[in-house]
Protein backbone atom coordinates (compact mmCIF):
# COMPACT_ATOMS: atom_id res chain seq x y z
CA UNK A 1 -60.78 -96.58 42.41
CA UNK A 2 -61.51 -92.99 41.89
CA UNK A 3 -60.24 -90.73 39.16
CA UNK A 4 -59.34 -87.11 39.73
CA UNK A 5 -61.03 -84.87 37.25
CA UNK A 6 -59.14 -82.04 35.72
CA UNK A 7 -60.57 -78.73 36.49
CA UNK A 8 -61.73 -76.92 33.41
CA UNK A 9 -60.42 -73.34 32.92
CA UNK A 10 -63.00 -70.76 33.13
CA UNK A 11 -62.98 -67.68 30.94
CA UNK A 12 -61.90 -65.50 33.86
CA UNK A 13 -58.92 -67.68 34.82
CA UNK A 14 -57.72 -67.82 31.20
CA UNK A 15 -57.74 -64.04 30.98
CA UNK A 16 -55.73 -63.76 34.19
CA UNK A 17 -53.03 -66.11 32.87
CA UNK A 18 -52.89 -64.21 29.60
CA UNK A 19 -52.41 -60.90 31.43
CA UNK A 20 -49.58 -62.38 33.47
CA UNK A 21 -47.80 -63.51 30.29
CA UNK A 22 -48.17 -60.08 28.72
CA UNK A 23 -46.66 -58.44 31.77
CA UNK A 24 -43.69 -60.83 31.59
CA UNK A 25 -43.13 -59.97 27.91
CA UNK A 26 -43.30 -56.26 28.65
CA UNK A 27 -40.81 -56.60 31.46
CA UNK A 28 -38.33 -58.58 29.30
CA UNK A 29 -38.65 -56.08 26.48
CA UNK A 30 -37.98 -53.19 28.85
CA UNK A 31 -34.87 -54.90 30.26
CA UNK A 32 -33.57 -55.60 26.75
CA UNK A 33 -34.05 -52.02 25.56
CA UNK A 34 -32.36 -50.58 28.65
CA UNK A 35 -29.22 -52.55 27.84
CA UNK A 36 -28.96 -51.18 24.26
CA UNK A 37 -26.61 -48.19 23.58
CA UNK A 38 -28.42 -44.92 23.23
CA UNK A 39 -28.89 -43.90 19.60
CA UNK A 40 -29.88 -40.34 20.41
CA UNK A 41 -27.83 -37.94 18.27
CA UNK A 42 -25.75 -35.48 20.20
CA UNK A 43 -25.13 -32.01 18.85
CA UNK A 44 -21.61 -31.54 17.44
CA UNK A 45 -19.73 -28.96 19.39
CA UNK A 46 -17.98 -26.37 17.25
CA UNK A 47 -14.37 -25.96 18.11
CA UNK A 48 -13.62 -22.41 19.02
CA UNK A 49 -10.28 -21.02 17.85
CA UNK A 50 -7.76 -21.15 20.63
CA UNK A 51 -6.60 -17.96 22.27
CA UNK A 52 -3.07 -18.74 21.03
CA UNK A 53 -4.20 -18.64 17.39
CA UNK A 54 -5.98 -15.35 17.92
CA UNK A 55 -2.91 -13.88 19.57
CA UNK A 56 -0.60 -15.14 16.79
CA UNK A 57 -2.86 -13.66 14.10
CA UNK A 58 -2.92 -10.36 15.97
CA UNK A 59 0.90 -10.28 15.90
CA UNK A 60 1.37 -11.45 12.30
CA UNK A 61 -0.86 -8.84 10.62
CA UNK A 62 1.17 -5.80 11.77
CA UNK A 63 4.42 -7.58 10.87
CA UNK A 64 3.18 -7.95 7.28
CA UNK A 65 1.53 -4.55 7.00
CA UNK A 66 4.32 -2.35 8.39
CA UNK A 67 7.02 -3.25 5.79
CA UNK A 68 4.53 -2.73 2.95
CA UNK A 69 3.57 0.66 4.35
CA UNK A 70 7.23 1.60 4.72
CA UNK A 71 8.01 0.67 1.09
CA UNK A 72 5.01 2.61 -0.16
CA UNK A 73 5.98 5.77 1.74
CA UNK A 74 9.65 5.45 0.83
CA UNK A 75 8.97 4.93 -2.87
CA UNK A 76 5.67 6.60 -3.86
CA UNK A 77 4.12 5.10 -6.98
CA UNK A 78 3.61 8.48 -8.60
CA UNK A 79 7.08 9.76 -7.90
CA UNK A 80 8.70 8.51 -11.09
CA UNK A 81 7.90 6.38 -14.11
CA UNK A 82 10.71 4.44 -15.84
CA UNK A 83 10.38 4.50 -19.62
CA UNK A 84 13.15 2.59 -21.36
CA UNK A 85 16.32 4.62 -21.02
CA UNK A 86 14.72 7.44 -19.03
CA UNK A 87 13.27 8.01 -15.59
CA UNK A 88 10.29 10.33 -16.02
CA UNK A 89 9.25 12.40 -13.01
CA UNK A 90 5.52 12.81 -12.54
CA UNK A 91 4.71 16.53 -12.46
CA UNK A 92 0.95 16.03 -12.44
CA UNK A 93 -1.48 17.36 -15.03
CA UNK A 94 -0.19 20.94 -14.99
CA UNK A 95 3.10 22.56 -15.91
CA UNK A 96 5.39 23.84 -13.21
CA UNK A 97 4.95 27.61 -13.11
CA UNK A 98 7.24 29.93 -11.19
CA UNK A 99 5.89 33.46 -10.95
CA UNK A 100 8.12 36.19 -9.60
CA UNK A 101 7.99 39.97 -9.09
CA UNK A 102 11.14 41.34 -7.54
CA UNK A 103 9.88 44.91 -7.92
CA UNK A 104 7.04 44.51 -5.42
CA UNK A 105 8.92 42.91 -2.51
CA UNK A 106 12.28 42.51 -0.87
CA UNK A 107 12.58 38.92 -2.05
CA UNK A 108 15.70 38.16 -4.02
CA UNK A 109 14.89 34.56 -4.93
CA UNK A 110 11.87 32.61 -6.14
CA UNK A 111 11.79 28.92 -6.88
CA UNK A 112 10.12 25.53 -7.01
CA UNK A 113 11.34 22.34 -5.28
CA UNK A 114 10.36 18.72 -6.00
CA UNK A 115 10.85 16.02 -3.34
CA UNK A 116 12.45 12.93 -4.88
CA UNK A 117 11.98 10.54 -1.93
CA UNK A 118 15.40 8.82 -2.12
CA UNK A 119 15.25 8.47 -5.89
CA UNK A 120 17.98 6.24 -7.30
CA UNK A 121 19.56 8.00 -10.28
CA UNK A 122 22.64 5.80 -10.38
CA UNK A 123 23.42 4.77 -13.94
CA UNK A 124 21.77 7.81 -15.52
CA UNK A 125 23.85 10.38 -17.41
CA UNK A 126 21.77 13.52 -17.82
CA UNK A 127 19.00 15.60 -16.31
CA UNK A 128 16.53 16.75 -18.96
CA UNK A 129 13.59 19.17 -18.95
CA UNK A 130 11.75 21.64 -21.14
CA UNK A 131 11.37 25.28 -20.14
CA UNK A 132 10.40 28.72 -21.40
CA UNK A 133 9.84 32.22 -20.07
CA UNK A 134 6.55 34.09 -20.32
CA UNK A 135 7.89 37.35 -21.76
CA UNK A 136 9.71 37.69 -25.07
CA UNK A 137 12.67 39.82 -24.07
CA UNK A 138 15.45 39.85 -21.54
CA UNK A 139 17.80 37.20 -20.22
CA UNK A 140 17.17 34.60 -17.51
CA UNK A 141 19.85 32.44 -15.93
CA UNK A 142 17.98 29.61 -14.20
CA UNK A 143 19.66 27.84 -11.32
CA UNK A 144 19.07 24.05 -11.24
CA UNK A 145 20.08 22.40 -7.95
CA UNK A 146 20.21 18.79 -6.70
CA UNK A 147 20.56 17.50 -3.14
CA UNK A 148 20.85 14.00 -1.65
CA UNK A 149 20.22 12.61 1.83
CA UNK A 150 23.87 13.15 2.78
CA UNK A 151 23.28 16.88 2.33
CA UNK A 152 25.52 16.94 -0.70
CA UNK A 153 24.22 19.62 -3.05
CA UNK A 154 25.29 21.07 -6.37
CA UNK A 155 23.89 23.49 -8.94
CA UNK A 156 24.22 24.40 -12.61
CA UNK A 157 22.81 27.30 -14.67
CA UNK A 158 20.98 27.34 -18.00
CA UNK A 159 19.86 30.31 -20.10
CA UNK A 160 16.11 30.31 -20.73
CA UNK A 161 14.26 32.36 -23.35
CA UNK A 162 10.61 32.66 -24.42
CA UNK A 163 10.56 29.57 -26.69
CA UNK A 164 10.06 26.01 -25.53
CA UNK A 165 13.47 24.34 -25.52
CA UNK A 166 14.80 21.07 -24.20
CA UNK A 167 17.66 21.44 -21.77
CA UNK A 168 20.18 18.75 -20.88
CA UNK A 169 22.62 18.91 -17.98
CA UNK A 170 25.19 16.18 -17.46
CA UNK A 171 25.00 14.66 -14.00
CA UNK A 172 28.78 14.59 -13.94
CA UNK A 173 28.66 18.41 -13.91
CA UNK A 174 27.09 18.26 -10.43
CA UNK A 175 30.54 17.54 -9.07
CA UNK A 176 29.72 18.00 -5.39
CA UNK A 177 27.35 15.02 -5.41
CA UNK A 178 29.02 11.63 -4.94
CA UNK A 179 26.02 9.43 -4.01
CA UNK A 180 23.32 9.20 -6.68
CA UNK A 181 21.19 6.44 -5.18
CA UNK A 182 19.35 8.60 -2.63
CA UNK A 183 18.47 11.94 -4.22
CA UNK A 184 16.33 14.01 -1.90
CA UNK A 185 15.29 17.08 -3.90
CA UNK A 186 15.59 18.98 -7.17
CA UNK A 187 15.06 22.75 -7.22
CA UNK A 188 14.60 25.40 -9.90
CA UNK A 189 15.60 28.83 -8.59
CA UNK A 190 15.24 32.27 -10.13
CA UNK A 191 17.59 34.85 -8.62
CA UNK A 192 16.94 38.58 -8.82
CA UNK A 193 20.45 39.40 -10.04
CA UNK A 194 20.28 36.78 -12.82
CA UNK A 195 17.19 38.07 -14.68
CA UNK A 196 16.83 41.14 -16.88
CA UNK A 197 13.10 41.47 -16.33
CA UNK A 198 12.26 41.63 -12.64
CA UNK A 199 8.60 40.74 -13.21
CA UNK A 200 8.07 37.58 -15.25
CA UNK A 201 7.28 33.86 -15.02
CA UNK A 202 8.79 30.53 -16.01
CA UNK A 203 7.25 27.24 -17.20
CA UNK A 204 8.90 23.82 -16.78
CA UNK A 205 7.76 20.45 -18.16
CA UNK A 206 8.91 16.90 -19.06
CA UNK A 207 11.46 16.47 -16.30
CA UNK A 208 13.49 13.25 -16.44
CA UNK A 209 16.80 11.49 -15.88
CA UNK A 210 18.20 9.85 -19.04
CA UNK A 211 20.98 7.40 -19.90
């Protein structure tokens, strides 16, 4: 009875089997990796502001800015300065000076006007200011006039000499004015027929409304 002998593996056949196993492992590994979710990081897209937001912002800015601009123009910051029971008008760093010479021209009036920009003088009792003439002699009757936005105007006169004096005029004396919450202008007027010296000047300072 014969026995079949097992064939011994040669070195070459062993290497071939080993290579086949390695190829199988590589193939399985490749299949496994292909099934895994990709871990590659994707760049985050920045959200751009929508056109609606841009349009809304474009509309809102003028809506906010226009009322502020209107209030600033209607009530200038330098127009008046409240101080307790008085409303001081800002005349700047220099005195008001009215120079006139009725002998050298046909002019019969010379004056100085201050825009009040709808100043609210309601609740105040008097108009106060300091004034003096340049020359030492003669008489000057100064016309002081007020006007509001309803074109109501009234005037009073004060006698001014060469010394600094404080003048007070009751607002109730400006009888033609009925609305005091929107004063438009105050004027100081020198009239040719109300001055003794036809060539002179006038200084005015510390103008205010007082209670």
